[in-house]
C-alpha atoms as a PDB file:
ATOM      1  CA  MET A   1      25.913 -41.648 -73.559  1.00  0.00           C
ATOM      2  CA  LEU A   2      28.061 -38.849 -71.668  1.00  0.00           C
ATOM      3  CA  PRO A   3      29.716 -39.777 -68.555  1.00  0.00           C
ATOM      4  CA  THR A   4      27.644 -37.864 -66.305  1.00  0.00           C
ATOM      5  CA  GLU A   5      24.443 -39.368 -67.687  1.00  0.00           C
ATOM      6  CA  GLN A   6      26.546 -42.794 -67.139  1.00  0.00           C
ATOM      7  CA  THR A   7      27.086 -42.013 -63.305  1.00  0.00           C
ATOM      8  CA  SER A   8      23.331 -40.688 -62.912  1.00  0.00           C
ATOM      9  CA  ALA A   9      21.901 -44.312 -64.097  1.00  0.00           C
ATOM     10  CA  ARG A  10      24.563 -46.190 -61.868  1.00  0.00           C
ATOM     11  CA  GLU A  11      23.278 -44.211 -58.957  1.00  0.00           C
ATOM     12  CA  ARG A  12      19.761 -44.684 -59.698  1.00  0.00           C
ATOM     13  CA  PHE A  13      20.110 -48.641 -60.043  1.00  0.00           C
ATOM     14  CA  GLN A  14      21.958 -48.734 -57.052  1.00  0.00           C
ATOM     15  CA  ASN A  15      19.138 -46.881 -54.968  1.00  0.00           C
ATOM     16  CA  ILE A  16      16.705 -49.034 -56.566  1.00  0.00           C
ATOM     17  CA  SER A  17      18.264 -52.133 -55.667  1.00  0.00           C
ATOM     18  CA  PHE A  18      18.828 -50.824 -51.823  1.00  0.00           C
ATOM     19  CA  ILE A  19      15.044 -49.973 -51.527  1.00  0.00           C
ATOM     20  CA  GLU A  20      14.181 -53.545 -52.643  1.00  0.00           C
ATOM     21  CA  LYS A  21      16.425 -55.068 -50.365  1.00  0.00           C
ATOM     22  CA  CYS A  22      14.945 -53.451 -47.455  1.00  0.00           C
ATOM     23  CA  LYS A  23      11.704 -54.335 -48.484  1.00  0.00           C
ATOM     24  CA  SER A  24      12.803 -57.834 -48.367  1.00  0.00           C
ATOM     25  CA  GLY A  25      13.235 -57.534 -44.618  1.00  0.00           C
ATOM     26  CA  LYS A  26      16.738 -57.934 -44.328  1.00  0.00           C
ATOM     27  CA  ILE A  27      19.093 -56.126 -42.127  1.00  0.00           C
ATOM     28  CA  PHE A  28      22.233 -54.421 -43.709  1.00  0.00           C
ATOM     29  CA  ASP A  29      25.236 -52.653 -42.531  1.00  0.00           C
ATOM     30  CA  PHE A  30      24.938 -49.366 -43.586  1.00  0.00           C
ATOM     31  CA  SER A  31      28.636 -48.736 -43.107  1.00  0.00           C
ATOM     32  CA  ASN A  32      28.832 -50.903 -46.210  1.00  0.00           C
ATOM     33  CA  MET A  33      26.875 -49.202 -48.695  1.00  0.00           C
ATOM     34  CA  VAL A  34      27.115 -52.521 -50.954  1.00  0.00           C
ATOM     35  CA  GLY A  35      24.184 -53.858 -48.972  1.00  0.00           C
ATOM     36  CA  GLU A  36      25.528 -57.141 -47.865  1.00  0.00           C
ATOM     37  CA  PRO A  37      23.476 -58.891 -45.507  1.00  0.00           C
ATOM     38  CA  LEU A  38      24.624 -59.041 -41.781  1.00  0.00           C
ATOM     39  CA  SER A  39      25.917 -62.254 -40.304  1.00  0.00           C
ATOM     40  CA  PRO A  40      23.882 -63.755 -37.419  1.00  0.00           C
ATOM     41  CA  GLU A  41      26.499 -62.660 -34.972  1.00  0.00           C
ATOM     42  CA  ARG A  42      26.593 -59.069 -35.843  1.00  0.00           C
ATOM     43  CA  GLU A  43      22.826 -58.659 -35.993  1.00  0.00           C
ATOM     44  CA  ARG A  44      22.676 -60.304 -32.600  1.00  0.00           C
ATOM     45  CA  GLN A  45      25.484 -57.653 -31.398  1.00  0.00           C
ATOM     46  CA  TYR A  46      23.225 -54.954 -32.633  1.00  0.00           C
ATOM     47  CA  ARG A  47      19.952 -55.934 -31.413  1.00  0.00           C
ATOM     48  CA  SER A  48      21.920 -56.495 -27.896  1.00  0.00           C
ATOM     49  CA  ARG A  49      23.174 -52.922 -28.262  1.00  0.00           C
ATOM     50  CA  ILE A  50      19.664 -51.257 -28.863  1.00  0.00           C
ATOM     51  CA  ASN A  51      18.206 -53.256 -25.759  1.00  0.00           C
ATOM     52  CA  HIS A  52      20.936 -51.840 -23.798  1.00  0.00           C
ATOM     53  CA  LEU A  53      20.069 -48.402 -24.792  1.00  0.00           C
ATOM     54  CA  SER A  54      16.409 -48.709 -24.511  1.00  0.00           C
ATOM     55  CA  PHE A  55      16.943 -50.087 -20.873  1.00  0.00           C
ATOM     56  CA  LEU A  56      19.231 -47.361 -20.034  1.00  0.00           C
ATOM     57  CA  LYS A  57      16.520 -44.818 -21.322  1.00  0.00           C
ATOM     58  CA  SER A  58      13.532 -46.339 -19.436  1.00  0.00           C
ATOM     59  CA  ALA A  59      15.779 -46.477 -16.073  1.00  0.00           C
ATOM     60  CA  GLN A  60      16.696 -42.678 -16.637  1.00  0.00           C
ATOM     61  CA  TYR A  61      13.257 -41.718 -17.022  1.00  0.00           C
ATOM     62  CA  GLY A  62      12.056 -44.047 -14.044  1.00  0.00           C
ATOM     63  CA  LEU A  63      14.765 -42.814 -11.785  1.00  0.00           C
ATOM     64  CA  PHE A  64      13.764 -38.979 -12.576  1.00  0.00           C
ATOM     65  CA  LEU A  65      10.071 -40.058 -11.835  1.00  0.00           C
ATOM     66  CA  SER A  66      10.855 -41.496  -8.711  1.00  0.00           C
ATOM     67  CA  VAL A  67      12.924 -38.724  -7.444  1.00  0.00           C
ATOM     68  CA  LEU A  68      10.146 -36.004  -8.240  1.00  0.00           C
ATOM     69  CA  LEU A  69       7.485 -38.364  -6.412  1.00  0.00           C
ATOM     70  CA  LEU A  70       9.741 -38.615  -3.617  1.00  0.00           C
ATOM     71  CA  ILE A  71      10.218 -34.764  -3.108  1.00  0.00           C
ATOM     72  CA  THR A  72       6.141 -34.572  -3.594  1.00  0.00           C
ATOM     73  CA  VAL A  73       5.517 -36.723  -1.123  1.00  0.00           C
ATOM     74  CA  ILE A  74       7.862 -35.156   1.743  1.00  0.00           C
ATOM     75  CA  GLN A  75       6.338 -31.663   1.047  1.00  0.00           C
ATOM     76  CA  VAL A  76       3.046 -33.202   1.478  1.00  0.00           C
ATOM     77  CA  TYR A  77       4.168 -35.000   4.730  1.00  0.00           C
ATOM     78  CA  HIS A  78       5.628 -31.684   5.995  1.00  0.00           C
ATOM     79  CA  CYS A  79       2.404 -29.640   5.181  1.00  0.00           C
ATOM     80  CA  ILE A  80       0.178 -32.043   6.917  1.00  0.00           C
ATOM     81  CA  SER A  81       2.539 -32.398   9.890  1.00  0.00           C
ATOM     82  CA  LYS A  82       2.300 -28.563  10.328  1.00  0.00           C
ATOM     83  CA  TYR A  83      -1.396 -28.639   9.928  1.00  0.00           C
ATOM     84  CA  PHE A  84      -1.980 -31.397  12.601  1.00  0.00           C
ATOM     85  CA  ALA A  85       0.629 -30.109  15.232  1.00  0.00           C
ATOM     86  CA  GLU A  86      -0.167 -28.209  18.291  1.00  0.00           C
ATOM     87  CA  PRO A  87      -0.785 -25.707  19.013  1.00  0.00           C
ATOM     88  CA  THR A  88      -2.455 -24.516  16.049  1.00  0.00           C
ATOM     89  CA  PHE A  89      -5.899 -22.640  16.437  1.00  0.00           C
ATOM     90  CA  ILE A  90      -8.087 -19.842  15.377  1.00  0.00           C
ATOM     91  CA  SER A  91     -10.201 -18.406  18.179  1.00  0.00           C
ATOM     92  CA  SER A  92     -12.726 -15.450  18.197  1.00  0.00           C
ATOM     93  CA  ARG A  93     -13.255 -13.547  21.599  1.00  0.00           C
ATOM     94  CA  ILE A  94     -15.465 -10.489  21.757  1.00  0.00           C
ATOM     95  CA  SER A  95     -14.648  -8.262  25.122  1.00  0.00           C
ATOM     96  CA  ASP A  96     -16.291  -5.348  26.630  1.00  0.00           C
ATOM     97  CA  GLN A  97     -15.159  -2.058  25.225  1.00  0.00           C
ATOM     98  CA  ASN A  98     -13.640  -1.002  28.462  1.00  0.00           C
ATOM     99  CA  ASP A  99     -11.168  -3.994  28.045  1.00  0.00           C
ATOM    100  CA  ALA A 100     -10.265  -2.899  24.600  1.00  0.00           C
ATOM    101  CA  GLU A 101      -7.707  -0.206  23.441  1.00  0.00           C
ATOM    102  CA  PHE A 102      -9.709   2.928  22.172  1.00  0.00           C
ATOM    103  CA  PRO A 103      -8.144   4.554  18.986  1.00  0.00           C
ATOM    104  CA  GLU A 104      -6.580   8.199  18.916  1.00  0.00           C
ATOM    105  CA  ILE A 105      -8.137  10.227  16.190  1.00  0.00           C
ATOM    106  CA  THR A 106      -6.445  12.820  14.408  1.00  0.00           C
ATOM    107  CA  VAL A 107      -8.250  15.490  12.066  1.00  0.00           C
ATOM    108  CA  CYS A 108      -6.164  17.094   9.348  1.00  0.00           C
ATOM    109  CA  ILE A 109      -7.369  19.637   6.732  1.00  0.00           C
ATOM    110  CA  GLU A 110      -7.672  18.358   3.319  1.00  0.00           C
ATOM    111  CA  GLY A 111      -6.124  19.957   0.014  1.00  0.00           C
ATOM    112  CA  GLY A 112      -3.471  22.089   1.473  1.00  0.00           C
ATOM    113  CA  GLY A 113      -2.882  22.741   5.329  1.00  0.00           C
ATOM    114  CA  PHE A 114      -1.701  26.362   5.092  1.00  0.00           C
ATOM    115  CA  LYS A 115      -3.243  29.697   4.778  1.00  0.00           C
ATOM    116  CA  GLU A 116      -1.812  31.369   1.337  1.00  0.00           C
ATOM    117  CA  ASN A 117      -2.825  34.848   2.292  1.00  0.00           C
ATOM    118  CA  VAL A 118      -0.731  34.741   5.576  1.00  0.00           C
ATOM    119  CA  LEU A 119       2.320  33.243   3.919  1.00  0.00           C
ATOM    120  CA  TYR A 120       1.897  36.004   1.103  1.00  0.00           C
ATOM    121  CA  GLN A 121       2.001  38.808   3.684  1.00  0.00           C
ATOM    122  CA  HIS A 122       4.929  37.447   5.144  1.00  0.00           C
ATOM    123  CA  GLY A 123       7.122  37.020   1.809  1.00  0.00           C
ATOM    124  CA  PHE A 124       6.044  33.789   0.312  1.00  0.00           C
ATOM    125  CA  ILE A 125       4.587  34.010  -2.925  1.00  0.00           C
ATOM    126  CA  LYS A 126       2.911  30.775  -2.914  1.00  0.00           C
ATOM    127  CA  GLU A 127       2.428  27.643  -0.179  1.00  0.00           C
ATOM    128  CA  GLY A 128       4.968  25.708  -1.827  1.00  0.00           C
ATOM    129  CA  ASP A 129       7.660  28.320  -1.265  1.00  0.00           C
ATOM    130  CA  TYR A 130       7.067  27.967   2.525  1.00  0.00           C
ATOM    131  CA  ARG A 131       6.685  24.102   3.057  1.00  0.00           C
ATOM    132  CA  ASN A 132       8.843  22.716   0.084  1.00  0.00           C
ATOM    133  CA  ARG A 133      11.948  20.847   0.985  1.00  0.00           C
ATOM    134  CA  GLY A 134      14.160  23.569  -0.481  1.00  0.00           C
ATOM    135  CA  ASN A 135      13.062  25.997   2.354  1.00  0.00           C
ATOM    136  CA  HIS A 136      14.913  25.561   5.748  1.00  0.00           C
ATOM    137  CA  THR A 137      14.395  28.908   6.953  1.00  0.00           C
ATOM    138  CA  TRP A 138      10.676  29.271   7.932  1.00  0.00           C
ATOM    139  CA  GLN A 139      11.370  32.663   8.276  1.00  0.00           C
ATOM    140  CA  SER A 140       9.010  35.694   7.886  1.00  0.00           C
ATOM    141  CA  ASN A 141      10.295  38.871   6.036  1.00  0.00           C
ATOM    142  CA  ASP A 142       9.218  40.647   9.521  1.00  0.00           C
ATOM    143  CA  THR A 143      11.968  39.778  11.768  1.00  0.00           C
ATOM    144  CA  SER A 144       9.559  40.506  14.913  1.00  0.00           C
ATOM    145  CA  VAL A 145       8.043  37.576  14.054  1.00  0.00           C
ATOM    146  CA  THR A 146       9.129  33.997  14.780  1.00  0.00           C
ATOM    147  CA  PRO A 147       9.068  31.201  13.066  1.00  0.00           C
ATOM    148  CA  GLN A 148       6.579  29.399  15.724  1.00  0.00           C
ATOM    149  CA  GLU A 149       4.410  32.540  15.469  1.00  0.00           C
ATOM    150  CA  LEU A 150       4.417  32.355  11.762  1.00  0.00           C
ATOM    151  CA  PHE A 151       3.509  28.516  11.666  1.00  0.00           C
ATOM    152  CA  ASP A 152       1.001  28.976  14.380  1.00  0.00           C
ATOM    153  CA  GLU A 153      -0.489  31.834  12.172  1.00  0.00           C
ATOM    154  CA  ALA A 154       0.007  30.177   8.839  1.00  0.00           C
ATOM    155  CA  THR A 155      -1.723  26.881   9.938  1.00  0.00           C
ATOM    156  CA  TYR A 156      -5.058  26.000  10.859  1.00  0.00           C
ATOM    157  CA  SER A 157      -6.089  25.500  14.685  1.00  0.00           C
ATOM    158  CA  ALA A 158      -8.532  22.859  15.817  1.00  0.00           C
ATOM    159  CA  ALA A 159     -11.345  25.879  16.423  1.00  0.00           C
ATOM    160  CA  ASP A 160     -10.643  26.646  12.326  1.00  0.00           C
ATOM    161  CA  ILE A 161     -11.650  23.392  10.966  1.00  0.00           C
ATOM    162  CA  ILE A 162     -13.870  21.451  13.743  1.00  0.00           C
ATOM    163  CA  LYS A 163     -17.266  23.233  14.138  1.00  0.00           C
ATOM    164  CA  SER A 164     -18.403  20.758  17.061  1.00  0.00           C
ATOM    165  CA  LEU A 165     -17.371  17.068  18.321  1.00  0.00           C
ATOM    166  CA  ARG A 166     -19.993  15.186  20.502  1.00  0.00           C
ATOM    167  CA  ILE A 167     -19.367  12.324  22.141  1.00  0.00           C
ATOM    168  CA  ARG A 168     -22.468   9.967  23.147  1.00  0.00           C
ATOM    169  CA  THR A 169     -21.833   7.148  25.924  1.00  0.00           C
ATOM    170  CA  ILE A 170     -23.690   4.016  26.380  1.00  0.00           C
ATOM    171  CA  ARG A 171     -24.137   4.606  29.862  1.00  0.00           C
ATOM    172  CA  SER A 172     -24.744   7.892  31.711  1.00  0.00           C
ATOM    173  CA  ASN A 173     -22.595   9.564  34.455  1.00  0.00           C
ATOM    174  CA  ALA A 174     -23.429  10.469  37.960  1.00  0.00           C
ATOM    175  CA  GLU A 175     -25.376  13.639  36.485  1.00  0.00           C
ATOM    176  CA  ASP A 176     -27.270  11.341  34.054  1.00  0.00           C
ATOM    177  CA  ASN A 177     -25.835  12.762  31.109  1.00  0.00           C
ATOM    178  CA  TYR A 178     -25.188  10.747  27.825  1.00  0.00           C
ATOM    179  CA  ASN A 179     -23.919  13.375  25.622  1.00  0.00           C
ATOM    180  CA  PHE A 180     -20.477  15.321  25.991  1.00  0.00           C
ATOM    181  CA  TYR A 181     -19.266  18.249  23.742  1.00  0.00           C
ATOM    182  CA  ALA A 182     -15.488  18.507  23.284  1.00  0.00           C
ATOM    183  CA  ASN A 183     -13.903  22.100  23.177  1.00  0.00           C
ATOM    184  CA  PRO A 184     -11.890  21.561  19.796  1.00  0.00           C
ATOM    185  CA  GLY A 185      -7.989  22.072  20.929  1.00  0.00           C
ATOM    186  CA  VAL A 186      -8.622  22.510  24.489  1.00  0.00           C
ATOM    187  CA  SER A 187      -7.853  19.216  26.836  1.00  0.00           C
ATOM    188  CA  ASP A 188     -10.672  19.115  29.316  1.00  0.00           C
ATOM    189  CA  GLU A 189     -12.696  16.405  31.135  1.00  0.00           C
ATOM    190  CA  VAL A 190     -14.327  15.124  28.116  1.00  0.00           C
ATOM    191  CA  ALA A 191     -11.134  14.934  25.548  1.00  0.00           C
ATOM    192  CA  ASP A 192      -7.368  15.157  25.396  1.00  0.00           C
ATOM    193  CA  TRP A 193      -6.162  17.136  22.682  1.00  0.00           C
ATOM    194  CA  THR A 194      -2.576  17.059  20.990  1.00  0.00           C
ATOM    195  CA  PRO A 195      -1.161  19.276  17.991  1.00  0.00           C
ATOM    196  CA  GLN A 196       0.666  17.514  15.117  1.00  0.00           C
ATOM    197  CA  TYR A 197       3.062  18.725  12.636  1.00  0.00           C
ATOM    198  CA  HIS A 198       3.596  17.671   9.260  1.00  0.00           C
ATOM    199  CA  ARG A 199       5.226  19.266   6.131  1.00  0.00           C
ATOM    200  CA  SER A 200       2.443  19.266   3.999  1.00  0.00           C
ATOM    201  CA  PHE A 201      -0.711  18.944   5.993  1.00  0.00           C
ATOM    202  CA  GLY A 202       0.509  21.672   8.303  1.00  0.00           C
ATOM    203  CA  ARG A 203      -1.280  21.162  11.861  1.00  0.00           C
ATOM    204  CA  CYS A 204      -3.272  18.485  12.718  1.00  0.00           C
ATOM    205  CA  HIS A 205      -5.301  17.812  15.780  1.00  0.00           C
ATOM    206  CA  SER A 206      -5.394  14.359  17.696  1.00  0.00           C
ATOM    207  CA  PHE A 207      -8.174  14.034  20.353  1.00  0.00           C
ATOM    208  CA  PHE A 208      -8.741  10.922  22.806  1.00  0.00           C
ATOM    209  CA  PRO A 209     -11.992  10.613  24.841  1.00  0.00           C
ATOM    210  CA  ALA A 210     -11.276  11.026  28.704  1.00  0.00           C
ATOM    211  CA  LYS A 211     -10.879   7.901  30.897  1.00  0.00           C
ATOM    212  CA  GLU A 212     -14.139   8.505  32.401  1.00  0.00           C
ATOM    213  CA  LEU A 213     -16.022   8.680  29.095  1.00  0.00           C
ATOM    214  CA  ARG A 214     -14.524   5.493  27.671  1.00  0.00           C
ATOM    215  CA  GLN A 215     -15.133   3.768  31.068  1.00  0.00           C
ATOM    216  CA  LEU A 216     -19.018   4.518  30.400  1.00  0.00           C
ATOM    217  CA  GLY A 217     -18.680   3.185  26.730  1.00  0.00           C
ATOM    218  CA  ILE A 218     -18.297   5.183  23.810  1.00  0.00           C
ATOM    219  CA  TYR A 219     -21.626   4.860  21.586  1.00  0.00           C
ATOM    220  CA  TYR A 220     -20.868   7.189  19.017  1.00  0.00           C
ATOM    221  CA  ILE A 221     -18.708  10.443  17.913  1.00  0.00           C
ATOM    222  CA  LYS A 222     -20.543  12.803  15.987  1.00  0.00           C
ATOM    223  CA  MET A 223     -18.110  15.807  14.483  1.00  0.00           C
ATOM    224  CA  TYR A 224     -18.867  18.642  12.260  1.00  0.00           C
ATOM    225  CA  GLY A 225     -16.139  20.692  10.544  1.00  0.00           C
ATOM    226  CA  TYR A 226     -15.931  23.997   8.467  1.00  0.00           C
ATOM    227  CA  GLU A 227     -13.228  22.616   5.915  1.00  0.00           C
ATOM    228  CA  ASP A 228     -12.884  19.516   4.156  1.00  0.00           C
ATOM    229  CA  LEU A 229     -11.073  16.933   6.305  1.00  0.00           C
ATOM    230  CA  LYS A 230      -8.857  14.239   6.597  1.00  0.00           C
ATOM    231  CA  VAL A 231      -9.227  11.813   9.558  1.00  0.00           C
ATOM    232  CA  TYR A 232      -6.530   9.331  10.525  1.00  0.00           C
ATOM    233  CA  LEU A 233      -6.995   6.666  13.370  1.00  0.00           C
ATOM    234  CA  HIS A 234      -3.710   5.433  15.310  1.00  0.00           C
ATOM    235  CA  HIS A 235      -2.700   4.377  18.536  1.00  0.00           C
ATOM    236  CA  PRO A 236      -2.755   6.609  21.535  1.00  0.00           C
ATOM    237  CA  GLY A 237       0.221   8.772  21.643  1.00  0.00           C
ATOM    238  CA  GLN A 238       1.652   7.166  18.196  1.00  0.00           C
ATOM    239  CA  TRP A 239       1.876   9.796  15.142  1.00  0.00           C
ATOM    240  CA  LEU A 240       3.800   8.721  12.021  1.00  0.00           C
ATOM    241  CA  ASP A 241       4.398   9.992   8.740  1.00  0.00           C
ATOM    242  CA  LEU A 242       1.223  10.638   7.035  1.00  0.00           C
ATOM    243  CA  SER A 243       2.882   9.587   3.622  1.00  0.00           C
ATOM    244  CA  GLY A 244       2.308   6.120   3.925  1.00  0.00           C
ATOM    245  CA  ARG A 245      -0.962   5.914   5.804  1.00  0.00           C
ATOM    246  CA  MET A 246      -4.602   6.169   4.313  1.00  0.00           C
ATOM    247  CA  GLY A 247      -6.755   8.690   5.522  1.00  0.00           C
ATOM    248  CA  TYR A 248     -10.640   8.892   5.309  1.00  0.00           C
ATOM    249  CA  LYS A 249     -11.774  11.656   3.571  1.00  0.00           C
ATOM    250  CA  ILE A 250     -14.676  13.811   4.781  1.00  0.00           C
ATOM    251  CA  TYR A 251     -16.152  16.729   2.485  1.00  0.00           C
ATOM    252  CA  LYS A 252     -18.078  19.733   3.566  1.00  0.00           C
ATOM    253  CA  ASN A 253     -21.869  19.171   3.394  1.00  0.00           C
ATOM    254  CA  ASP A 254     -21.236  15.278   3.625  1.00  0.00           C
ATOM    255  CA  VAL A 255     -23.178  13.129   5.867  1.00  0.00           C
ATOM    256  CA  ILE A 256     -20.580  10.010   6.769  1.00  0.00           C
ATOM    257  CA  GLN A 257     -21.388   7.518   9.061  1.00  0.00           C
ATOM    258  CA  MET A 258     -18.494   5.019   9.577  1.00  0.00           C
ATOM    259  CA  GLN A 259     -18.254   1.878  12.239  1.00  0.00           C
ATOM    260  CA  VAL A 260     -14.881   1.655  14.125  1.00  0.00           C
ATOM    261  CA  THR A 261     -13.484  -2.034  14.228  1.00  0.00           C
ATOM    262  CA  TRP A 262     -10.500  -3.209  16.500  1.00  0.00           C
ATOM    263  CA  GLN A 263      -8.402  -6.352  15.890  1.00  0.00           C
ATOM    264  CA  SER A 264      -6.142  -7.845  17.855  1.00  0.00           C
ATOM    265  CA  VAL A 265      -3.640 -10.204  15.987  1.00  0.00           C
ATOM    266  CA  LYS A 266      -1.070 -12.326  17.898  1.00  0.00           C
ATOM    267  CA  MET A 267       1.628 -14.748  16.330  1.00  0.00           C
ATOM    268  CA  LEU A 268       2.701 -17.708  18.655  1.00  0.00           C
ATOM    269  CA  ASP A 269       5.796 -19.943  18.207  1.00  0.00           C
ATOM    270  CA  GLU A 270       5.848 -23.596  19.101  1.00  0.00           C
ATOM    271  CA  ASP A 271       6.150 -22.838  22.668  1.00  0.00           C
ATOM    272  CA  THR A 272       2.946 -20.704  22.854  1.00  0.00           C
ATOM    273  CA  LYS A 273       4.647 -17.883  23.966  1.00  0.00           C
ATOM    274  CA  THR A 274       3.489 -14.412  22.284  1.00  0.00           C
ATOM    275  CA  ILE A 275       6.028 -13.324  20.038  1.00  0.00           C
ATOM    276  CA  GLU A 276       4.005 -10.147  18.097  1.00  0.00           C
ATOM    277  CA  LYS A 277       1.079  -8.249  18.782  1.00  0.00           C
ATOM    278  CA  GLU A 278      -0.575  -5.786  16.460  1.00  0.00           C
ATOM    279  CA  ASN A 279      -3.702  -3.894  17.196  1.00  0.00           C
ATOM    280  CA  ILE A 280      -5.507  -2.753  13.980  1.00  0.00           C
ATOM    281  CA  PHE A 281      -8.046  -0.095  13.709  1.00  0.00           C
ATOM    282  CA  SER A 282     -10.518   0.307  10.926  1.00  0.00           C
ATOM    283  CA  ILE A 283     -13.664   2.116   9.999  1.00  0.00           C
END
């Protein structure tokens, strides 16, 4: 028999002997591969170490779960305390329209606020050549025309885009009249008009019902347009950049009826002092 075959046979014999001793239930010291049984003293030491490690592991898990449970209890306590703390309330109040702030309505033309034929006559090939950010002159090729005159001529007036505007009140005035017709772009006893300016929309027009009509109560406002319109609702006298505000598109020959709602949102601190107030208009 070759030496390698003798070594292999010897290893197989030792493995079989070791397995049989393991099956007999004896505990061996694995540092001593001869397979001699442990003394009772060393066996007790090993068992003591194993029990000690098991206890530390269980204690670690218990401590971790206890900390998580404590954090959860603290958070639940704070949530419940805030819920029951005073003053915390939700209330709804319906007031007369006279006490509510009526929104100002701004009307713009939809799909381009400049007259391309007018711009072309003044040396601008297309609308973008006049209103884009790269242009800073706003000057006509006709030196006798000022930039303001060119802007007024190239944009739409209120009469160009609004055919008629009628305000119907809840109560009649001294002449027993319920219907009031506004003159687009002209401030009078029916409505106040203010022109607004925007790089893309050109010239927009804001109107606000007169105080007398608001005291009578606004039942509805009916408006007819010559062009496709875009309508914005905002606080009186407040005109912001339109790039971040959603308008309501109204197309020609379409009949659209919308209801205006008014909400007053107040945030109170712990001393019940009003720290913020916001009015929201929507239709």
